[in-house]
N, C-alpha and C. Protein backbone atom coordinates (compact mmCIF):
# COMPACT_ATOMS: atom_id res chain seq x y z
N MET A 1 135.43 99.74 102.58
CA MET A 1 136.26 98.58 102.36
C MET A 1 135.41 97.39 101.89
N TRP A 2 134.28 97.11 102.59
CA TRP A 2 133.49 95.92 102.25
C TRP A 2 132.92 95.94 100.85
N PRO A 3 132.41 97.08 100.38
CA PRO A 3 131.90 97.07 99.00
C PRO A 3 132.99 96.67 97.99
N ARG A 4 134.19 97.14 98.20
CA ARG A 4 135.29 96.80 97.29
C ARG A 4 135.67 95.32 97.40
N ILE A 5 135.70 94.81 98.61
CA ILE A 5 136.01 93.39 98.81
C ILE A 5 134.93 92.53 98.19
N ARG A 6 133.65 92.90 98.40
CA ARG A 6 132.55 92.14 97.79
C ARG A 6 132.68 92.12 96.28
N LYS A 7 133.05 93.26 95.71
CA LYS A 7 133.20 93.34 94.26
C LYS A 7 134.30 92.41 93.78
N GLU A 8 135.41 92.35 94.50
CA GLU A 8 136.53 91.50 94.11
C GLU A 8 136.16 90.02 94.13
N PHE A 9 135.21 89.64 94.99
CA PHE A 9 134.84 88.24 95.14
C PHE A 9 133.42 87.96 94.64
N GLN A 10 132.84 88.85 93.83
CA GLN A 10 131.43 88.73 93.46
C GLN A 10 131.10 87.46 92.67
N ARG A 11 132.05 86.91 91.96
CA ARG A 11 131.76 85.71 91.16
C ARG A 11 132.00 84.42 91.93
N GLN A 12 132.56 84.52 93.12
CA GLN A 12 132.79 83.32 93.93
C GLN A 12 131.67 83.20 94.96
N VAL A 13 131.34 81.97 95.29
CA VAL A 13 130.24 81.74 96.22
C VAL A 13 130.72 81.73 97.67
N VAL A 14 131.78 80.96 97.97
CA VAL A 14 132.19 80.79 99.36
C VAL A 14 133.46 81.56 99.74
N ARG A 15 134.20 82.05 98.79
CA ARG A 15 135.41 82.80 99.14
C ARG A 15 135.11 84.03 100.00
N PRO A 16 133.99 84.73 99.77
CA PRO A 16 133.69 85.84 100.69
C PRO A 16 133.53 85.39 102.14
N ASP A 17 133.06 84.16 102.36
CA ASP A 17 132.95 83.62 103.72
C ASP A 17 134.33 83.43 104.33
N VAL A 18 135.28 82.98 103.52
CA VAL A 18 136.66 82.82 103.98
C VAL A 18 137.23 84.19 104.34
N VAL A 19 137.01 85.17 103.49
CA VAL A 19 137.51 86.52 103.75
C VAL A 19 136.90 87.09 105.03
N ARG A 20 135.61 86.89 105.21
CA ARG A 20 134.93 87.38 106.43
C ARG A 20 135.56 86.75 107.68
N LYS A 21 135.82 85.45 107.64
CA LYS A 21 136.44 84.76 108.77
C LYS A 21 137.85 85.28 109.01
N MET A 22 138.58 85.56 107.92
CA MET A 22 139.94 86.08 108.06
C MET A 22 139.93 87.43 108.76
N ILE A 23 138.99 88.29 108.40
CA ILE A 23 138.91 89.60 109.04
C ILE A 23 138.44 89.45 110.49
N GLU A 24 137.44 88.62 110.70
CA GLU A 24 136.90 88.39 112.04
C GLU A 24 138.00 87.94 113.00
N CYS A 25 138.90 87.09 112.53
CA CYS A 25 139.95 86.54 113.38
C CYS A 25 141.27 87.32 113.30
N GLY A 26 141.32 88.33 112.46
CA GLY A 26 142.55 89.10 112.32
C GLY A 26 143.65 88.32 111.62
N LEU A 27 143.28 87.49 110.65
CA LEU A 27 144.27 86.68 109.94
C LEU A 27 144.97 87.49 108.86
N ARG A 28 146.26 87.29 108.77
CA ARG A 28 147.13 88.02 107.84
C ARG A 28 147.65 87.05 106.79
N VAL A 29 147.86 87.57 105.56
CA VAL A 29 148.44 86.79 104.47
C VAL A 29 149.88 87.25 104.27
N SER A 30 150.79 86.28 104.18
CA SER A 30 152.21 86.60 104.02
C SER A 30 152.61 86.59 102.54
N ASP A 31 153.83 87.02 102.28
CA ASP A 31 154.39 86.99 100.93
C ASP A 31 154.47 85.57 100.37
N GLU A 32 154.50 84.59 101.27
CA GLU A 32 154.63 83.18 100.86
C GLU A 32 153.28 82.47 100.79
N ASP A 33 152.18 83.23 100.73
CA ASP A 33 150.82 82.68 100.69
C ASP A 33 150.48 81.86 101.94
N LYS A 34 151.05 82.24 103.06
CA LYS A 34 150.73 81.59 104.32
C LYS A 34 149.80 82.50 105.10
N ILE A 35 149.05 81.90 106.03
CA ILE A 35 148.13 82.65 106.87
C ILE A 35 148.69 82.69 108.29
N TYR A 36 148.60 83.87 108.90
CA TYR A 36 149.09 84.05 110.27
C TYR A 36 148.05 84.78 111.11
N VAL A 37 148.01 84.43 112.38
CA VAL A 37 147.32 85.23 113.38
C VAL A 37 148.44 85.72 114.29
N GLY A 38 148.71 87.02 114.23
CA GLY A 38 149.91 87.54 114.88
C GLY A 38 151.11 86.94 114.21
N ASP A 39 151.96 86.26 114.99
CA ASP A 39 153.14 85.60 114.41
C ASP A 39 153.00 84.08 114.39
N VAL A 40 151.77 83.60 114.60
CA VAL A 40 151.50 82.16 114.61
C VAL A 40 150.89 81.75 113.28
N GLU A 41 151.55 80.80 112.60
CA GLU A 41 151.02 80.32 111.32
C GLU A 41 149.77 79.48 111.54
N VAL A 42 148.78 79.70 110.69
CA VAL A 42 147.51 78.98 110.76
C VAL A 42 147.38 78.15 109.49
N ASP A 43 147.11 76.87 109.65
CA ASP A 43 146.98 75.95 108.53
C ASP A 43 145.69 76.25 107.74
N TYR A 44 145.74 76.09 106.43
CA TYR A 44 144.56 76.25 105.59
C TYR A 44 143.41 75.38 106.08
N THR A 45 143.73 74.18 106.52
CA THR A 45 142.71 73.23 106.95
C THR A 45 141.93 73.77 108.16
N ALA A 46 142.62 74.42 109.08
CA ALA A 46 141.96 74.97 110.27
C ALA A 46 140.97 76.06 109.87
N VAL A 47 141.37 76.92 108.95
CA VAL A 47 140.47 77.97 108.48
C VAL A 47 139.30 77.34 107.73
N ALA A 48 139.59 76.35 106.91
CA ALA A 48 138.54 75.67 106.14
C ALA A 48 137.49 75.05 107.07
N ARG A 49 137.95 74.40 108.14
CA ARG A 49 137.01 73.80 109.10
C ARG A 49 136.14 74.87 109.74
N ALA A 50 136.74 76.00 110.10
CA ALA A 50 135.99 77.07 110.76
C ALA A 50 134.92 77.66 109.84
N VAL A 51 135.18 77.68 108.55
CA VAL A 51 134.24 78.26 107.59
C VAL A 51 133.29 77.21 107.02
N GLY A 52 133.71 75.95 107.07
CA GLY A 52 132.89 74.87 106.51
C GLY A 52 133.10 74.70 105.01
N VAL A 53 134.36 74.88 104.58
CA VAL A 53 134.70 74.72 103.16
C VAL A 53 135.91 73.79 103.04
N ASP A 54 136.23 73.44 101.82
CA ASP A 54 137.41 72.63 101.53
C ASP A 54 138.66 73.50 101.68
N ARG A 55 139.77 72.91 102.09
CA ARG A 55 141.02 73.67 102.28
C ARG A 55 141.50 74.31 100.99
N ARG A 56 141.15 73.71 99.85
CA ARG A 56 141.56 74.29 98.56
C ARG A 56 140.90 75.65 98.32
N VAL A 57 139.69 75.82 98.85
CA VAL A 57 139.00 77.12 98.73
C VAL A 57 139.77 78.18 99.50
N VAL A 58 140.27 77.82 100.66
CA VAL A 58 141.07 78.76 101.47
C VAL A 58 142.35 79.10 100.72
N LYS A 59 143.01 78.11 100.17
CA LYS A 59 144.25 78.34 99.42
C LYS A 59 143.99 79.24 98.21
N GLN A 60 142.92 78.99 97.49
CA GLN A 60 142.59 79.82 96.33
C GLN A 60 142.25 81.24 96.74
N THR A 61 141.60 81.39 97.88
CA THR A 61 141.28 82.72 98.38
C THR A 61 142.55 83.49 98.71
N VAL A 62 143.48 82.82 99.39
CA VAL A 62 144.77 83.45 99.72
C VAL A 62 145.51 83.84 98.45
N GLU A 63 145.51 82.96 97.46
CA GLU A 63 146.19 83.27 96.20
C GLU A 63 145.53 84.46 95.49
N GLN A 64 144.20 84.53 95.55
CA GLN A 64 143.50 85.67 94.95
C GLN A 64 143.85 86.96 95.68
N ILE A 65 143.93 86.89 96.99
CA ILE A 65 144.31 88.07 97.78
C ILE A 65 145.72 88.52 97.40
N ARG A 66 146.64 87.57 97.35
CA ARG A 66 148.04 87.90 97.01
C ARG A 66 148.15 88.48 95.60
N GLY A 67 147.28 88.07 94.69
CA GLY A 67 147.35 88.54 93.31
C GLY A 67 146.67 89.87 93.08
N ASN A 68 146.06 90.44 94.11
CA ASN A 68 145.34 91.69 93.97
C ASN A 68 145.99 92.73 94.88
N ARG A 69 146.50 93.78 94.29
CA ARG A 69 147.25 94.79 95.06
C ARG A 69 146.42 95.38 96.20
N TYR A 70 145.16 95.72 95.91
CA TYR A 70 144.31 96.31 96.95
C TYR A 70 144.07 95.33 98.10
N LEU A 71 143.63 94.10 97.77
CA LEU A 71 143.36 93.12 98.81
C LEU A 71 144.61 92.80 99.62
N TYR A 72 145.73 92.65 98.93
CA TYR A 72 146.96 92.33 99.65
C TYR A 72 147.40 93.49 100.55
N SER A 73 147.12 94.72 100.13
CA SER A 73 147.48 95.87 100.98
C SER A 73 146.72 95.84 102.30
N ILE A 74 145.54 95.23 102.30
CA ILE A 74 144.76 95.09 103.54
C ILE A 74 145.20 93.85 104.31
N PHE A 75 145.19 92.70 103.64
CA PHE A 75 145.42 91.44 104.33
C PHE A 75 146.87 91.18 104.70
N SER A 76 147.79 91.94 104.18
CA SER A 76 149.18 91.78 104.62
C SER A 76 149.43 92.52 105.93
N LYS A 77 148.47 93.33 106.35
CA LYS A 77 148.63 94.13 107.58
C LYS A 77 147.59 93.81 108.65
N THR A 78 146.68 92.90 108.37
CA THR A 78 145.62 92.58 109.33
C THR A 78 146.21 91.97 110.59
N MET A 79 145.69 92.41 111.73
CA MET A 79 146.15 91.91 113.02
C MET A 79 144.94 91.60 113.89
N PRO A 80 145.06 90.65 114.83
CA PRO A 80 143.94 90.37 115.74
C PRO A 80 143.72 91.55 116.68
N LEU A 81 142.46 91.77 117.04
CA LEU A 81 142.12 92.87 117.93
C LEU A 81 142.56 92.63 119.37
N GLY A 82 142.64 91.41 119.76
CA GLY A 82 142.93 91.09 121.15
C GLY A 82 141.75 90.36 121.76
N ALA A 83 141.89 89.96 122.98
CA ALA A 83 140.86 89.17 123.64
C ALA A 83 139.72 90.05 124.13
N SER A 84 138.50 89.60 123.89
CA SER A 84 137.34 90.28 124.43
C SER A 84 137.18 89.89 125.90
N LEU A 85 136.95 90.88 126.73
CA LEU A 85 136.73 90.62 128.16
C LEU A 85 135.27 90.35 128.47
N ALA A 86 134.39 90.49 127.48
CA ALA A 86 132.94 90.39 127.73
C ALA A 86 132.54 89.06 128.37
N HIS A 87 133.17 87.97 127.99
CA HIS A 87 132.80 86.67 128.53
C HIS A 87 133.48 86.37 129.85
N LEU A 88 134.32 87.29 130.32
CA LEU A 88 135.05 87.09 131.57
C LEU A 88 134.60 88.04 132.67
N VAL A 89 133.56 88.84 132.41
CA VAL A 89 133.20 89.90 133.35
C VAL A 89 132.94 89.39 134.76
N SER A 90 132.27 88.27 134.90
CA SER A 90 131.97 87.78 136.26
C SER A 90 133.25 87.39 137.00
N GLN A 91 134.21 86.82 136.30
CA GLN A 91 135.47 86.42 136.94
C GLN A 91 136.32 87.62 137.31
N LEU A 92 136.17 88.71 136.55
CA LEU A 92 137.00 89.89 136.77
C LEU A 92 136.35 90.93 137.68
N GLY A 93 135.09 90.73 138.04
CA GLY A 93 134.38 91.71 138.85
C GLY A 93 133.90 92.90 138.03
N TYR A 94 133.74 92.70 136.75
CA TYR A 94 133.29 93.75 135.83
C TYR A 94 131.85 93.48 135.43
N SER A 95 131.31 94.40 134.64
CA SER A 95 130.02 94.23 133.99
C SER A 95 130.21 94.62 132.54
N ALA A 96 129.26 94.23 131.72
CA ALA A 96 129.30 94.63 130.32
C ALA A 96 127.90 95.03 129.91
N VAL A 97 127.83 96.03 129.07
CA VAL A 97 126.56 96.43 128.49
C VAL A 97 126.67 96.25 126.99
N VAL A 98 125.75 95.46 126.45
CA VAL A 98 125.69 95.21 125.02
C VAL A 98 124.58 96.09 124.48
N VAL A 99 124.95 96.99 123.59
CA VAL A 99 124.02 97.99 123.08
C VAL A 99 123.67 97.66 121.63
N GLU A 100 122.37 97.54 121.39
CA GLU A 100 121.90 97.40 120.02
C GLU A 100 121.31 98.75 119.63
N ALA A 101 121.92 99.36 118.62
CA ALA A 101 121.50 100.68 118.16
C ALA A 101 121.72 100.74 116.66
N ASP A 102 121.32 101.84 116.06
CA ASP A 102 121.59 102.03 114.64
C ASP A 102 123.10 102.20 114.51
N PRO A 103 123.80 101.22 113.91
CA PRO A 103 125.26 101.29 113.86
C PRO A 103 125.79 102.39 112.95
N ARG A 104 124.92 102.96 112.15
CA ARG A 104 125.35 104.05 111.26
C ARG A 104 125.02 105.42 111.83
N SER A 105 124.43 105.41 113.01
CA SER A 105 124.09 106.67 113.67
C SER A 105 125.34 107.21 114.38
N PRO A 106 125.72 108.45 114.09
CA PRO A 106 126.91 108.99 114.74
C PRO A 106 126.69 109.26 116.22
N GLY A 107 127.72 109.02 117.01
CA GLY A 107 127.70 109.38 118.42
C GLY A 107 127.15 108.34 119.38
N VAL A 108 126.86 107.14 118.90
CA VAL A 108 126.31 106.11 119.80
C VAL A 108 127.32 105.80 120.90
N MET A 109 128.54 105.49 120.51
CA MET A 109 129.56 105.13 121.50
C MET A 109 129.84 106.30 122.44
N ALA A 110 129.92 107.49 121.89
CA ALA A 110 130.19 108.67 122.71
C ALA A 110 129.08 108.90 123.73
N ALA A 111 127.82 108.76 123.31
CA ALA A 111 126.70 108.98 124.22
C ALA A 111 126.68 107.96 125.34
N VAL A 112 126.91 106.69 125.00
CA VAL A 112 126.91 105.63 126.00
C VAL A 112 128.08 105.82 126.97
N ALA A 113 129.25 106.09 126.44
CA ALA A 113 130.44 106.29 127.29
C ALA A 113 130.27 107.52 128.20
N GLU A 114 129.64 108.55 127.69
CA GLU A 114 129.44 109.77 128.49
C GLU A 114 128.53 109.49 129.68
N ILE A 115 127.46 108.74 129.45
CA ILE A 115 126.55 108.40 130.54
C ILE A 115 127.27 107.54 131.58
N LEU A 116 128.01 106.55 131.13
CA LEU A 116 128.75 105.70 132.06
C LEU A 116 129.77 106.52 132.85
N SER A 117 130.43 107.43 132.19
CA SER A 117 131.42 108.29 132.84
C SER A 117 130.77 109.17 133.92
N ARG A 118 129.65 109.75 133.60
CA ARG A 118 128.95 110.60 134.58
C ARG A 118 128.55 109.83 135.83
N HIS A 119 128.37 108.53 135.69
CA HIS A 119 128.00 107.69 136.84
C HIS A 119 129.22 107.03 137.47
N GLY A 120 130.41 107.54 137.13
CA GLY A 120 131.64 107.07 137.76
C GLY A 120 132.14 105.73 137.27
N MET A 121 131.64 105.28 136.14
CA MET A 121 132.05 103.98 135.60
C MET A 121 133.31 104.14 134.76
N VAL A 122 134.26 103.23 134.92
CA VAL A 122 135.48 103.21 134.13
C VAL A 122 135.30 102.16 133.04
N VAL A 123 135.38 102.59 131.79
CA VAL A 123 135.26 101.66 130.67
C VAL A 123 136.62 101.00 130.46
N ARG A 124 136.65 99.67 130.57
CA ARG A 124 137.89 98.91 130.39
C ARG A 124 138.10 98.48 128.95
N GLN A 125 136.98 98.29 128.23
CA GLN A 125 137.09 97.83 126.84
C GLN A 125 135.81 98.22 126.11
N ALA A 126 135.98 98.62 124.85
CA ALA A 126 134.84 98.93 123.98
C ALA A 126 135.04 98.19 122.66
N LEU A 127 134.03 97.45 122.28
CA LEU A 127 134.07 96.68 121.03
C LEU A 127 132.80 96.99 120.24
N ALA A 128 132.96 97.25 118.96
CA ALA A 128 131.79 97.51 118.11
C ALA A 128 131.91 96.68 116.84
N ASP A 129 130.83 96.00 116.50
CA ASP A 129 130.80 95.21 115.28
C ASP A 129 130.73 96.13 114.07
N ASP A 130 131.34 95.72 112.99
CA ASP A 130 131.26 96.45 111.73
C ASP A 130 129.91 96.12 111.09
N PRO A 131 129.05 97.13 110.87
CA PRO A 131 127.72 96.84 110.33
C PRO A 131 127.75 96.27 108.92
N ASP A 132 128.84 96.44 108.20
CA ASP A 132 128.95 95.84 106.87
C ASP A 132 129.33 94.37 106.95
N MET A 133 129.82 93.95 108.10
CA MET A 133 130.29 92.58 108.26
C MET A 133 129.32 91.74 109.09
N VAL A 134 128.67 92.37 110.05
CA VAL A 134 127.79 91.67 110.98
C VAL A 134 126.37 92.21 110.81
N PRO A 135 125.42 91.35 110.42
CA PRO A 135 124.06 91.83 110.15
C PRO A 135 123.41 92.55 111.33
N ASP A 136 123.52 92.00 112.53
CA ASP A 136 122.95 92.64 113.72
C ASP A 136 124.08 93.22 114.57
N ALA A 137 124.74 94.23 114.03
CA ALA A 137 125.90 94.83 114.69
C ALA A 137 125.51 95.36 116.07
N LYS A 138 126.38 95.09 117.04
CA LYS A 138 126.18 95.56 118.40
C LYS A 138 127.48 96.17 118.92
N MET A 139 127.35 96.93 119.98
CA MET A 139 128.50 97.52 120.64
C MET A 139 128.52 96.98 122.07
N THR A 140 129.70 96.60 122.55
CA THR A 140 129.84 96.08 123.90
C THR A 140 130.86 96.92 124.65
N LEU A 141 130.46 97.41 125.82
CA LEU A 141 131.38 98.14 126.68
C LEU A 141 131.53 97.37 127.98
N VAL A 142 132.77 97.06 128.33
CA VAL A 142 133.09 96.37 129.58
C VAL A 142 133.52 97.43 130.57
N VAL A 143 132.88 97.42 131.75
CA VAL A 143 133.16 98.44 132.76
C VAL A 143 133.53 97.78 134.08
N GLU A 144 134.26 98.53 134.89
CA GLU A 144 134.60 98.05 136.23
C GLU A 144 133.36 98.11 137.11
N GLY A 145 133.14 97.06 137.89
CA GLY A 145 132.02 97.03 138.84
C GLY A 145 130.67 96.82 138.18
N GLU A 146 129.62 97.15 138.97
CA GLU A 146 128.25 97.00 138.48
C GLU A 146 127.73 98.33 137.96
N ILE A 147 126.90 98.26 136.95
CA ILE A 147 126.33 99.46 136.34
C ILE A 147 125.11 99.87 137.16
N PRO A 148 125.11 101.11 137.67
CA PRO A 148 123.98 101.56 138.49
C PRO A 148 122.68 101.61 137.68
N GLY A 149 121.56 101.40 138.38
CA GLY A 149 120.25 101.44 137.74
C GLY A 149 119.97 102.76 137.06
N ALA A 150 120.42 103.86 137.67
CA ALA A 150 120.19 105.18 137.08
C ALA A 150 120.90 105.30 135.73
N ALA A 151 122.08 104.73 135.63
CA ALA A 151 122.82 104.76 134.36
C ALA A 151 122.09 103.93 133.31
N LEU A 152 121.57 102.78 133.72
CA LEU A 152 120.82 101.94 132.79
C LEU A 152 119.57 102.65 132.29
N ALA A 153 118.90 103.35 133.18
CA ALA A 153 117.70 104.10 132.78
C ALA A 153 118.06 105.17 131.75
N GLU A 154 119.17 105.87 131.98
CA GLU A 154 119.61 106.88 131.02
C GLU A 154 119.98 106.26 129.68
N LEU A 155 120.67 105.12 129.75
CA LEU A 155 121.05 104.44 128.50
C LEU A 155 119.80 104.01 127.73
N ASN A 156 118.82 103.48 128.45
CA ASN A 156 117.56 103.08 127.80
C ASN A 156 116.83 104.28 127.21
N GLY A 157 117.07 105.44 127.77
CA GLY A 157 116.41 106.66 127.29
C GLY A 157 117.02 107.26 126.03
N LEU A 158 118.18 106.78 125.63
CA LEU A 158 118.80 107.29 124.40
C LEU A 158 117.95 106.87 123.21
N ARG A 159 117.58 107.83 122.36
CA ARG A 159 116.67 107.52 121.25
C ARG A 159 117.30 106.60 120.22
N MET A 160 118.63 106.58 120.13
CA MET A 160 119.27 105.71 119.13
C MET A 160 119.43 104.27 119.62
N VAL A 161 119.18 104.02 120.90
CA VAL A 161 119.33 102.69 121.48
C VAL A 161 118.04 101.89 121.30
N ARG A 162 118.18 100.71 120.68
CA ARG A 162 117.02 99.82 120.48
C ARG A 162 116.87 98.85 121.65
N SER A 163 118.00 98.36 122.17
CA SER A 163 117.94 97.45 123.31
C SER A 163 119.28 97.41 124.02
N LEU A 164 119.22 97.00 125.27
CA LEU A 164 120.41 96.83 126.12
C LEU A 164 120.41 95.42 126.70
N LYS A 165 121.58 94.87 126.84
CA LYS A 165 121.75 93.59 127.52
C LYS A 165 122.90 93.75 128.48
N ILE A 166 122.70 93.37 129.72
CA ILE A 166 123.73 93.50 130.73
C ILE A 166 124.33 92.12 131.02
N LEU A 167 125.64 92.05 131.03
CA LEU A 167 126.36 90.83 131.37
C LEU A 167 127.05 91.06 132.70
N LYS A 168 126.90 90.11 133.61
CA LYS A 168 127.54 90.22 134.94
C LYS A 168 128.37 88.99 135.19
């Protein structure tokens, strides 16, 4: 998807930044050239402030998306992922493990989840950054309770894992 999107916006300097923010936030483009997050309309100015561009750039980006069948097929269906629990783990009695690994290596999530499962951990949420969108893509798994030291040692022992960060 990203190579095609980059190609569509290759001659523009900041419109790709607007597109990246739209995907990051799950923003959708309507038939009326309006922007929505879920069913809530979002003003061009709000998106422009978040990206650090003029509101006209956001409007032009939306118009370009609407005028391109491929882009509109994506952005007319984009939805927000939902709330990340990673920043709430201490309030919820959960823990989170942030895994930095080769994001193009198959089986990273499966290997991490399998180790957590063997140690009786229940994964409440799994989030992985898109390596084409985020330069230092990471995977975050939110689990019930505290992660045992033995599980952390096993996770550190995975050859595809570069680093671990625990949030409590």
